[in-house]
Amino acid sequence: MSAKFETNNAHNPLFSQIERPKLEKLITIAEAATALGLPYWQIQRAIKRGALPSYAPFNSRRLVRLSEVVAFINASRRGGV
């Protein structure tokens, strides 16, 4: 006697109750630098110091979330209006 497993998650009540967070797209360091008008090395240095989180899924190149880079820049702002 074999059990039939539901493969379609849309009909599985357990999966329909789980909240799925909206995941922000990960971008390369170069893409983040271009988007913000910053030199590549500034973002890379912040990552190496541990001041900015980065991700390397499947042991690939380093990726960042643009919102985290912007938050890092805003947090390091000094003076001004």
N, C-alpha and C. Protein backbone atom coordinates (compact mmCIF):
# COMPACT_ATOMS: atom_id res chain seq x y z
N MET A 1 0.84 -1.17 0.00
CA MET A 1 0.00 0.00 0.00
C MET A 1 0.89 1.24 0.00
N SER A 2 0.77 2.04 -1.00
CA SER A 2 1.62 3.23 -1.09
C SER A 2 0.81 4.47 -0.75
N ALA A 3 1.46 5.40 -0.09
CA ALA A 3 0.80 6.65 0.27
C ALA A 3 0.97 7.64 -0.87
N LYS A 4 -0.08 8.37 -1.14
CA LYS A 4 -0.01 9.39 -2.19
C LYS A 4 0.32 10.72 -1.53
N PHE A 5 1.41 11.33 -1.97
CA PHE A 5 1.82 12.60 -1.41
C PHE A 5 1.38 13.72 -2.33
N GLU A 6 0.90 14.79 -1.71
CA GLU A 6 0.45 15.95 -2.47
C GLU A 6 1.68 16.73 -2.93
N THR A 7 1.82 16.89 -4.23
CA THR A 7 2.98 17.61 -4.76
C THR A 7 2.64 19.05 -5.08
N ASN A 8 1.38 19.37 -5.21
CA ASN A 8 0.98 20.73 -5.53
C ASN A 8 0.76 21.49 -4.22
N ASN A 9 1.62 22.45 -3.92
CA ASN A 9 1.55 23.18 -2.65
C ASN A 9 0.31 24.04 -2.53
N ALA A 10 -0.32 24.40 -3.65
CA ALA A 10 -1.51 25.24 -3.60
C ALA A 10 -2.67 24.54 -2.91
N HIS A 11 -2.71 23.23 -2.95
CA HIS A 11 -3.81 22.49 -2.35
C HIS A 11 -3.47 21.93 -0.98
N ASN A 12 -2.29 22.16 -0.53
CA ASN A 12 -1.86 21.65 0.77
C ASN A 12 -2.18 22.71 1.83
N PRO A 13 -3.06 22.42 2.79
CA PRO A 13 -3.44 23.44 3.78
C PRO A 13 -2.28 23.94 4.63
N LEU A 14 -1.28 23.11 4.86
CA LEU A 14 -0.13 23.53 5.65
C LEU A 14 0.62 24.65 4.94
N PHE A 15 0.84 24.50 3.64
CA PHE A 15 1.58 25.51 2.89
C PHE A 15 0.76 26.78 2.68
N SER A 16 -0.54 26.68 2.65
CA SER A 16 -1.36 27.88 2.44
C SER A 16 -1.39 28.75 3.69
N GLN A 17 -1.06 28.20 4.85
CA GLN A 17 -1.08 28.97 6.10
C GLN A 17 0.26 29.64 6.39
N ILE A 18 1.29 29.25 5.70
CA ILE A 18 2.62 29.80 5.95
C ILE A 18 2.76 31.13 5.23
N GLU A 19 3.19 32.15 5.98
CA GLU A 19 3.44 33.44 5.35
C GLU A 19 4.78 33.40 4.64
N ARG A 20 4.78 33.85 3.43
CA ARG A 20 6.03 33.89 2.66
C ARG A 20 6.50 35.34 2.58
N PRO A 21 7.67 35.64 3.14
CA PRO A 21 8.16 37.01 3.06
C PRO A 21 8.54 37.36 1.63
N LYS A 22 8.36 38.63 1.29
CA LYS A 22 8.79 39.07 -0.03
C LYS A 22 10.30 39.23 0.01
N LEU A 23 10.97 38.51 -0.84
CA LEU A 23 12.42 38.54 -0.84
C LEU A 23 12.91 39.62 -1.79
N GLU A 24 13.83 40.42 -1.30
CA GLU A 24 14.43 41.45 -2.14
C GLU A 24 15.50 40.81 -3.00
N LYS A 25 15.59 41.24 -4.22
CA LYS A 25 16.55 40.69 -5.16
C LYS A 25 17.98 41.02 -4.70
N LEU A 26 18.85 40.05 -4.83
CA LEU A 26 20.27 40.26 -4.55
C LEU A 26 20.95 40.71 -5.83
N ILE A 27 21.85 41.69 -5.69
CA ILE A 27 22.58 42.20 -6.85
C ILE A 27 24.08 42.13 -6.58
N THR A 28 24.86 42.22 -7.64
CA THR A 28 26.32 42.17 -7.48
C THR A 28 26.83 43.48 -6.88
N ILE A 29 28.03 43.43 -6.39
CA ILE A 29 28.65 44.64 -5.84
C ILE A 29 28.78 45.70 -6.92
N ALA A 30 29.14 45.28 -8.12
CA ALA A 30 29.28 46.22 -9.24
C ALA A 30 27.94 46.88 -9.58
N GLU A 31 26.86 46.11 -9.56
CA GLU A 31 25.54 46.68 -9.85
C GLU A 31 25.13 47.69 -8.77
N ALA A 32 25.42 47.38 -7.52
CA ALA A 32 25.10 48.30 -6.42
C ALA A 32 25.93 49.58 -6.55
N ALA A 33 27.19 49.44 -6.88
CA ALA A 33 28.06 50.60 -7.04
C ALA A 33 27.57 51.50 -8.18
N THR A 34 27.19 50.89 -9.28
CA THR A 34 26.69 51.66 -10.43
C THR A 34 25.38 52.36 -10.07
N ALA A 35 24.48 51.66 -9.39
CA ALA A 35 23.18 52.23 -9.04
C ALA A 35 23.31 53.42 -8.10
N LEU A 36 24.31 53.39 -7.23
CA LEU A 36 24.48 54.45 -6.23
C LEU A 36 25.55 55.46 -6.61
N GLY A 37 26.24 55.23 -7.72
CA GLY A 37 27.29 56.15 -8.15
C GLY A 37 28.50 56.13 -7.25
N LEU A 38 28.81 54.96 -6.71
CA LEU A 38 29.96 54.80 -5.82
C LEU A 38 31.02 53.94 -6.48
N PRO A 39 32.28 54.10 -6.05
CA PRO A 39 33.31 53.18 -6.54
C PRO A 39 33.08 51.77 -5.98
N TYR A 40 33.39 50.79 -6.78
CA TYR A 40 33.24 49.37 -6.42
C TYR A 40 33.98 49.07 -5.13
N TRP A 41 35.19 49.59 -4.99
CA TRP A 41 36.04 49.24 -3.86
C TRP A 41 35.47 49.72 -2.53
N GLN A 42 34.67 50.81 -2.54
CA GLN A 42 34.10 51.28 -1.27
C GLN A 42 33.11 50.28 -0.69
N ILE A 43 32.29 49.71 -1.56
CA ILE A 43 31.34 48.70 -1.10
C ILE A 43 32.08 47.44 -0.68
N GLN A 44 33.07 47.06 -1.47
CA GLN A 44 33.85 45.85 -1.17
C GLN A 44 34.58 46.00 0.17
N ARG A 45 35.12 47.17 0.45
CA ARG A 45 35.83 47.40 1.71
C ARG A 45 34.88 47.30 2.90
N ALA A 46 33.67 47.85 2.76
CA ALA A 46 32.69 47.77 3.84
C ALA A 46 32.31 46.31 4.13
N ILE A 47 32.23 45.50 3.08
CA ILE A 47 31.92 44.08 3.25
C ILE A 47 33.07 43.38 3.97
N LYS A 48 34.30 43.65 3.57
CA LYS A 48 35.46 43.00 4.19
C LYS A 48 35.61 43.37 5.66
N ARG A 49 35.23 44.61 6.02
CA ARG A 49 35.30 45.05 7.42
C ARG A 49 34.17 44.47 8.25
N GLY A 50 33.16 43.91 7.59
CA GLY A 50 32.02 43.36 8.30
C GLY A 50 30.94 44.38 8.59
N ALA A 51 31.08 45.57 8.02
CA ALA A 51 30.10 46.63 8.25
C ALA A 51 28.87 46.49 7.36
N LEU A 52 28.98 45.73 6.30
CA LEU A 52 27.89 45.56 5.35
C LEU A 52 27.71 44.07 5.07
N PRO A 53 26.50 43.54 5.26
CA PRO A 53 26.29 42.11 5.00
C PRO A 53 26.34 41.79 3.51
N SER A 54 26.87 40.63 3.20
CA SER A 54 26.87 40.16 1.81
C SER A 54 26.51 38.68 1.81
N TYR A 55 26.17 38.19 0.66
CA TYR A 55 25.70 36.82 0.51
C TYR A 55 26.44 36.16 -0.64
N ALA A 56 26.75 34.89 -0.47
CA ALA A 56 27.41 34.12 -1.53
C ALA A 56 26.67 32.80 -1.70
N PRO A 57 25.48 32.85 -2.30
CA PRO A 57 24.71 31.61 -2.45
C PRO A 57 25.42 30.63 -3.36
N PHE A 58 25.41 29.39 -2.95
CA PHE A 58 26.02 28.32 -3.74
C PHE A 58 27.49 28.60 -4.04
N ASN A 59 28.16 29.31 -3.11
CA ASN A 59 29.58 29.61 -3.23
C ASN A 59 29.89 30.41 -4.50
N SER A 60 28.99 31.32 -4.83
CA SER A 60 29.19 32.14 -6.03
C SER A 60 29.78 33.49 -5.64
N ARG A 61 29.73 34.41 -6.54
CA ARG A 61 30.26 35.75 -6.25
C ARG A 61 29.44 36.43 -5.17
N ARG A 62 30.04 37.43 -4.54
CA ARG A 62 29.39 38.15 -3.44
C ARG A 62 28.24 38.99 -3.97
N LEU A 63 27.11 38.90 -3.27
CA LEU A 63 25.92 39.66 -3.63
C LEU A 63 25.47 40.48 -2.43
N VAL A 64 24.78 41.58 -2.69
CA VAL A 64 24.27 42.45 -1.63
C VAL A 64 22.82 42.82 -1.93
N ARG A 65 22.14 43.30 -0.90
CA ARG A 65 20.81 43.88 -1.09
C ARG A 65 20.99 45.38 -1.19
N LEU A 66 20.41 45.98 -2.20
CA LEU A 66 20.55 47.42 -2.41
C LEU A 66 20.05 48.20 -1.20
N SER A 67 18.97 47.75 -0.60
CA SER A 67 18.43 48.46 0.57
C SER A 67 19.42 48.44 1.74
N GLU A 68 20.18 47.36 1.89
CA GLU A 68 21.17 47.29 2.97
C GLU A 68 22.35 48.22 2.70
N VAL A 69 22.71 48.37 1.44
CA VAL A 69 23.80 49.30 1.09
C VAL A 69 23.35 50.73 1.36
N VAL A 70 22.12 51.07 0.96
CA VAL A 70 21.59 52.41 1.20
C VAL A 70 21.48 52.67 2.70
N ALA A 71 21.01 51.70 3.47
CA ALA A 71 20.91 51.85 4.93
C ALA A 71 22.29 52.06 5.55
N PHE A 72 23.30 51.33 5.05
CA PHE A 72 24.67 51.49 5.55
C PHE A 72 25.17 52.91 5.28
N ILE A 73 24.91 53.41 4.09
CA ILE A 73 25.35 54.77 3.73
C ILE A 73 24.65 55.80 4.62
N ASN A 74 23.35 55.66 4.80
CA ASN A 74 22.60 56.59 5.64
C ASN A 74 23.08 56.55 7.09
N ALA A 75 23.42 55.39 7.59
CA ALA A 75 23.89 55.25 8.97
C ALA A 75 25.28 55.86 9.17
N SER A 76 26.07 55.92 8.11
CA SER A 76 27.43 56.45 8.24
C SER A 76 27.50 57.93 7.88
N ARG A 77 26.37 58.55 7.66
CA ARG A 77 26.33 59.97 7.29
C ARG A 77 26.79 60.82 8.47
N ARG A 78 27.58 61.85 8.16
CA ARG A 78 28.08 62.76 9.19
C ARG A 78 27.73 64.19 8.83
N GLY A 79 27.26 64.94 9.79
CA GLY A 79 27.01 66.36 9.61
C GLY A 79 26.01 66.69 8.53
N GLY A 80 26.02 67.93 8.11
CA GLY A 80 25.12 68.37 7.05
C GLY A 80 23.72 68.63 7.55
N VAL A 81 22.87 68.91 6.63
CA VAL A 81 21.49 69.24 6.98
C VAL A 81 20.61 68.04 6.89
